[in-house]
């Protein structure tokens, strides 16, 4: 009976060790997560000023870009091709650095605020809608650019400082 307990205990320890080794070898680093997210932020939703009233900003494309950013932050999916494992990274919950995770949770909230405004038909008639969206996008980059800088990654220009119109 004692031998059976030793064998089972040995097998359990070996299984746990193998599982831990697998998890530690496959766990994505914070730098890799932020590199992945940087690819997601290269979309047009973060290039240039938001220009709703003139019709220069494609609202459907903008909304889709912001939704894809939310997906990247929540699940690590950078491309709409969810089946391709090369298009996956880590979501916010996998960020180890507590400050960075908190900053990215705020980024996610700001993306949700932007979508609420864009999806609200009454926003089209408000003069401050474009400025509000631009301010939210700038705030997002004020949170994320220092993190990218920490990891040696290129920073993005503030949408309000590019002189271009987001299309």
C-alpha atoms as a PDB file:
ATOM      1  CA  UNK A   1       0.000   0.000   0.000  1.00  0.00           C
ATOM      2  CA  UNK A   2       2.838   2.383   0.862  1.00  0.00           C
ATOM      3  CA  UNK A   3       4.453   1.745  -2.539  1.00  0.00           C
ATOM      4  CA  UNK A   4       1.235   2.703  -4.334  1.00  0.00           C
ATOM      5  CA  UNK A   5       1.086   6.034  -2.476  1.00  0.00           C
ATOM      6  CA  UNK A   6       4.728   6.752  -3.345  1.00  0.00           C
ATOM      7  CA  UNK A   7       4.128   5.918  -7.020  1.00  0.00           C
ATOM      8  CA  UNK A   8       0.980   8.065  -7.213  1.00  0.00           C
ATOM      9  CA  UNK A   9       2.744  10.907  -5.391  1.00  0.00           C
ATOM     10  CA  UNK A  10       5.699  10.649  -7.782  1.00  0.00           C
ATOM     11  CA  UNK A  11       3.438  10.684 -10.827  1.00  0.00           C
ATOM     12  CA  UNK A  12       1.526  13.700  -9.492  1.00  0.00           C
ATOM     13  CA  UNK A  13       4.752  15.602  -8.824  1.00  0.00           C
ATOM     14  CA  UNK A  14       6.096  14.718 -12.273  1.00  0.00           C
ATOM     15  CA  UNK A  15       2.837  15.819 -13.934  1.00  0.00           C
ATOM     16  CA  UNK A  16       2.817  19.079 -12.007  1.00  0.00           C
ATOM     17  CA  UNK A  17       6.457  19.708 -12.921  1.00  0.00           C
ATOM     18  CA  UNK A  18       5.793  19.058 -16.614  1.00  0.00           C
ATOM     19  CA  UNK A  19       2.755  21.341 -16.556  1.00  0.00           C
ATOM     20  CA  UNK A  20       4.663  24.154 -14.825  1.00  0.00           C
ATOM     21  CA  UNK A  21       7.519  23.840 -17.312  1.00  0.00           C
ATOM     22  CA  UNK A  22       5.049  24.057 -20.202  1.00  0.00           C
ATOM     23  CA  UNK A  23       3.266  27.092 -18.732  1.00  0.00           C
ATOM     24  CA  UNK A  24       6.491  28.949 -17.983  1.00  0.00           C
ATOM     25  CA  UNK A  25       7.921  28.256 -21.432  1.00  0.00           C
ATOM     26  CA  UNK A  26       4.761  29.289 -23.291  1.00  0.00           C
ATOM     27  CA  UNK A  27       3.779  32.301 -21.187  1.00  0.00           C
ATOM     28  CA  UNK A  28       4.038  35.492 -23.147  1.00  0.00           C
ATOM     29  CA  UNK A  29       6.076  38.377 -21.706  1.00  0.00           C
ATOM     30  CA  UNK A  30       4.735  41.886 -21.121  1.00  0.00           C
ATOM     31  CA  UNK A  31       7.014  43.151 -23.888  1.00  0.00           C
ATOM     32  CA  UNK A  32       5.558  40.624 -26.335  1.00  0.00           C
ATOM     33  CA  UNK A  33       2.023  41.610 -25.324  1.00  0.00           C
ATOM     34  CA  UNK A  34       2.750  45.304 -25.919  1.00  0.00           C
ATOM     35  CA  UNK A  35       4.492  44.561 -29.239  1.00  0.00           C
ATOM     36  CA  UNK A  36       1.358  42.712 -30.304  1.00  0.00           C
ATOM     37  CA  UNK A  37      -0.872  45.572 -29.189  1.00  0.00           C
ATOM     38  CA  UNK A  38       1.279  48.080 -31.011  1.00  0.00           C
ATOM     39  CA  UNK A  39       0.435  46.278 -34.244  1.00  0.00           C
ATOM     40  CA  UNK A  40      -3.241  46.628 -33.328  1.00  0.00           C
ATOM     41  CA  UNK A  41      -2.858  50.373 -32.700  1.00  0.00           C
ATOM     42  CA  UNK A  42      -1.365  50.929 -36.168  1.00  0.00           C
ATOM     43  CA  UNK A  43      -4.892  50.978 -37.558  1.00  0.00           C
ATOM     44  CA  UNK A  44      -6.283  54.179 -39.033  1.00  0.00           C
ATOM     45  CA  UNK A  45      -8.424  54.834 -35.941  1.00  0.00           C
ATOM     46  CA  UNK A  46      -5.288  56.245 -34.309  1.00  0.00           C
ATOM     47  CA  UNK A  47      -3.890  58.237 -37.210  1.00  0.00           C
ATOM     48  CA  UNK A  48      -5.047  61.781 -37.716  1.00  0.00           C
ATOM     49  CA  UNK A  49      -7.881  63.910 -36.447  1.00  0.00           C
ATOM     50  CA  UNK A  50     -11.418  62.583 -36.237  1.00  0.00           C
ATOM     51  CA  UNK A  51     -13.560  64.503 -38.739  1.00  0.00           C
ATOM     52  CA  UNK A  52     -17.157  63.406 -38.524  1.00  0.00           C
ATOM     53  CA  UNK A  53     -18.952  66.568 -39.572  1.00  0.00           C
ATOM     54  CA  UNK A  54     -17.083  66.930 -42.869  1.00  0.00           C
ATOM     55  CA  UNK A  55     -17.620  63.270 -43.711  1.00  0.00           C
ATOM     56  CA  UNK A  56     -13.884  62.687 -44.124  1.00  0.00           C
ATOM     57  CA  UNK A  57     -13.761  59.982 -41.431  1.00  0.00           C
ATOM     58  CA  UNK A  58     -15.273  56.658 -42.465  1.00  0.00           C
ATOM     59  CA  UNK A  59     -17.406  55.945 -39.376  1.00  0.00           C
ATOM     60  CA  UNK A  60     -17.926  52.246 -40.158  1.00  0.00           C
ATOM     61  CA  UNK A  61     -14.195  51.664 -40.599  1.00  0.00           C
ATOM     62  CA  UNK A  62     -13.386  53.726 -37.494  1.00  0.00           C
ATOM     63  CA  UNK A  63     -15.903  51.769 -35.391  1.00  0.00           C
ATOM     64  CA  UNK A  64     -14.567  48.456 -36.697  1.00  0.00           C
ATOM     65  CA  UNK A  65     -10.988  49.510 -35.870  1.00  0.00           C
ATOM     66  CA  UNK A  66     -11.947  50.462 -32.309  1.00  0.00           C
ATOM     67  CA  UNK A  67     -13.833  47.166 -31.840  1.00  0.00           C
ATOM     68  CA  UNK A  68     -10.775  45.252 -33.081  1.00  0.00           C
ATOM     69  CA  UNK A  69      -8.584  47.175 -30.625  1.00  0.00           C
ATOM     70  CA  UNK A  70     -10.904  46.146 -27.808  1.00  0.00           C
ATOM     71  CA  UNK A  71     -10.614  42.526 -28.963  1.00  0.00           C
ATOM     72  CA  UNK A  72      -6.825  42.808 -29.024  1.00  0.00           C
ATOM     73  CA  UNK A  73      -6.782  44.184 -25.482  1.00  0.00           C
ATOM     74  CA  UNK A  74      -9.269  41.713 -24.052  1.00  0.00           C
ATOM     75  CA  UNK A  75      -8.160  38.528 -25.832  1.00  0.00           C
ATOM     76  CA  UNK A  76      -4.884  39.314 -27.561  1.00  0.00           C
ATOM     77  CA  UNK A  77      -6.393  38.921 -31.051  1.00  0.00           C
ATOM     78  CA  UNK A  78      -4.750  41.452 -33.376  1.00  0.00           C
ATOM     79  CA  UNK A  79      -6.296  40.312 -36.621  1.00  0.00           C
ATOM     80  CA  UNK A  80      -9.880  39.426 -37.446  1.00  0.00           C
ATOM     81  CA  UNK A  81      -8.469  36.016 -38.462  1.00  0.00           C
ATOM     82  CA  UNK A  82      -9.128  34.433 -35.048  1.00  0.00           C
ATOM     83  CA  UNK A  83      -8.051  30.991 -36.247  1.00  0.00           C
ATOM     84  CA  UNK A  84      -4.469  32.023 -37.001  1.00  0.00           C
ATOM     85  CA  UNK A  85      -2.376  31.466 -33.836  1.00  0.00           C
ATOM     86  CA  UNK A  86       0.205  33.986 -35.115  1.00  0.00           C
ATOM     87  CA  UNK A  87      -2.413  36.704 -34.704  1.00  0.00           C
ATOM     88  CA  UNK A  88      -2.748  36.101 -30.965  1.00  0.00           C
ATOM     89  CA  UNK A  89      -0.945  37.600 -28.039  1.00  0.00           C
ATOM     90  CA  UNK A  90      -2.003  38.247 -24.500  1.00  0.00           C
ATOM     91  CA  UNK A  91      -4.979  40.115 -23.163  1.00  0.00           C
ATOM     92  CA  UNK A  92      -4.937  42.690 -20.382  1.00  0.00           C
ATOM     93  CA  UNK A  93      -5.353  40.006 -17.728  1.00  0.00           C
ATOM     94  CA  UNK A  94      -1.995  38.503 -18.756  1.00  0.00           C
ATOM     95  CA  UNK A  95       0.008  41.695 -18.178  1.00  0.00           C
ATOM     96  CA  UNK A  96       2.188  41.048 -15.131  1.00  0.00           C
ATOM     97  CA  UNK A  97       3.108  44.660 -14.317  1.00  0.00           C
ATOM     98  CA  UNK A  98       0.220  45.964 -12.174  1.00  0.00           C
ATOM     99  CA  UNK A  99       0.586  49.605 -13.245  1.00  0.00           C
ATOM    100  CA  UNK A 100       0.661  48.671 -16.935  1.00  0.00           C
ATOM    101  CA  UNK A 101      -2.349  46.384 -16.473  1.00  0.00           C
ATOM    102  CA  UNK A 102      -4.258  49.218 -14.731  1.00  0.00           C
ATOM    103  CA  UNK A 103      -3.289  51.657 -17.505  1.00  0.00           C
ATOM    104  CA  UNK A 104      -4.501  49.225 -20.157  1.00  0.00           C
ATOM    105  CA  UNK A 105      -7.769  48.676 -18.300  1.00  0.00           C
ATOM    106  CA  UNK A 106      -8.228  52.465 -18.524  1.00  0.00           C
ATOM    107  CA  UNK A 107      -7.377  52.351 -22.244  1.00  0.00           C
ATOM    108  CA  UNK A 108     -10.101  49.740 -22.703  1.00  0.00           C
ATOM    109  CA  UNK A 109     -12.596  51.976 -20.852  1.00  0.00           C
ATOM    110  CA  UNK A 110     -11.655  54.924 -23.076  1.00  0.00           C
ATOM    111  CA  UNK A 111     -12.233  52.807 -26.195  1.00  0.00           C
ATOM    112  CA  UNK A 112     -15.675  51.920 -24.847  1.00  0.00           C
ATOM    113  CA  UNK A 113     -16.414  55.630 -24.247  1.00  0.00           C
ATOM    114  CA  UNK A 114     -15.417  56.409 -27.838  1.00  0.00           C
ATOM    115  CA  UNK A 115     -17.732  53.699 -29.171  1.00  0.00           C
ATOM    116  CA  UNK A 116     -20.633  54.977 -27.061  1.00  0.00           C
ATOM    117  CA  UNK A 117     -20.274  58.427 -28.606  1.00  0.00           C
ATOM    118  CA  UNK A 118     -19.823  57.156 -32.172  1.00  0.00           C
ATOM    119  CA  UNK A 119     -22.853  54.859 -31.846  1.00  0.00           C
ATOM    120  CA  UNK A 120     -25.083  57.585 -30.372  1.00  0.00           C
ATOM    121  CA  UNK A 121     -27.034  59.240 -33.229  1.00  0.00           C
ATOM    122  CA  UNK A 122     -27.460  62.447 -31.225  1.00  0.00           C
ATOM    123  CA  UNK A 123     -23.658  62.853 -31.114  1.00  0.00           C
ATOM    124  CA  UNK A 124     -23.636  63.720 -34.783  1.00  0.00           C
ATOM    125  CA  UNK A 125     -25.374  67.001 -34.013  1.00  0.00           C
ATOM    126  CA  UNK A 126     -23.068  68.051 -31.165  1.00  0.00           C
ATOM    127  CA  UNK A 127     -20.233  70.438 -31.928  1.00  0.00           C
ATOM    128  CA  UNK A 128     -17.893  68.886 -29.356  1.00  0.00           C
ATOM    129  CA  UNK A 129     -18.085  65.267 -30.599  1.00  0.00           C
ATOM    130  CA  UNK A 130     -14.968  65.426 -32.766  1.00  0.00           C
ATOM    131  CA  UNK A 131     -12.958  67.165 -30.042  1.00  0.00           C
ATOM    132  CA  UNK A 132     -14.166  64.637 -27.440  1.00  0.00           C
ATOM    133  CA  UNK A 133     -13.098  61.659 -29.567  1.00  0.00           C
ATOM    134  CA  UNK A 134      -9.728  63.237 -30.358  1.00  0.00           C
ATOM    135  CA  UNK A 135      -9.130  63.962 -26.664  1.00  0.00           C
ATOM    136  CA  UNK A 136      -9.959  60.352 -25.731  1.00  0.00           C
ATOM    137  CA  UNK A 137      -7.598  59.003 -28.399  1.00  0.00           C
ATOM    138  CA  UNK A 138      -4.825  61.352 -27.193  1.00  0.00           C
ATOM    139  CA  UNK A 139      -5.454  60.229 -23.606  1.00  0.00           C
ATOM    140  CA  UNK A 140      -5.071  56.605 -24.698  1.00  0.00           C
ATOM    141  CA  UNK A 141      -1.696  57.322 -26.288  1.00  0.00           C
ATOM    142  CA  UNK A 142      -0.589  59.319 -23.237  1.00  0.00           C
ATOM    143  CA  UNK A 143      -1.127  56.119 -21.255  1.00  0.00           C
ATOM    144  CA  UNK A 144       0.384  53.656 -23.711  1.00  0.00           C
ATOM    145  CA  UNK A 145       3.317  55.574 -25.266  1.00  0.00           C
ATOM    146  CA  UNK A 146       5.415  55.571 -22.043  1.00  0.00           C
ATOM    147  CA  UNK A 147       4.947  51.800 -21.804  1.00  0.00           C
ATOM    148  CA  UNK A 148       6.080  51.320 -25.394  1.00  0.00           C
ATOM    149  CA  UNK A 149       9.031  53.595 -24.677  1.00  0.00           C
ATOM    150  CA  UNK A 150       9.927  51.460 -21.629  1.00  0.00           C
ATOM    151  CA  UNK A 151      10.068  48.375 -23.863  1.00  0.00           C
ATOM    152  CA  UNK A 152      12.061  50.190 -26.573  1.00  0.00           C
ATOM    153  CA  UNK A 153       9.125  50.237 -28.988  1.00  0.00           C
ATOM    154  CA  UNK A 154       8.269  53.193 -31.248  1.00  0.00           C
ATOM    155  CA  UNK A 155       5.666  55.578 -29.918  1.00  0.00           C
ATOM    156  CA  UNK A 156       2.663  56.776 -31.904  1.00  0.00           C
ATOM    157  CA  UNK A 157       1.976  60.437 -32.593  1.00  0.00           C
ATOM    158  CA  UNK A 158      -1.055  61.937 -30.960  1.00  0.00           C
ATOM    159  CA  UNK A 159      -3.958  61.933 -33.436  1.00  0.00           C
ATOM    160  CA  UNK A 160      -4.457  65.651 -32.811  1.00  0.00           C
ATOM    161  CA  UNK A 161      -0.823  66.433 -33.609  1.00  0.00           C
ATOM    162  CA  UNK A 162      -0.427  64.727 -36.974  1.00  0.00           C
ATOM    163  CA  UNK A 163      -2.126  67.374 -39.100  1.00  0.00           C
ATOM    164  CA  UNK A 164      -3.917  64.588 -40.996  1.00  0.00           C
ATOM    165  CA  UNK A 165      -7.553  63.574 -40.990  1.00  0.00           C
ATOM    166  CA  UNK A 166      -8.370  59.968 -39.995  1.00  0.00           C
ATOM    167  CA  UNK A 167     -10.038  58.260 -42.965  1.00  0.00           C
END
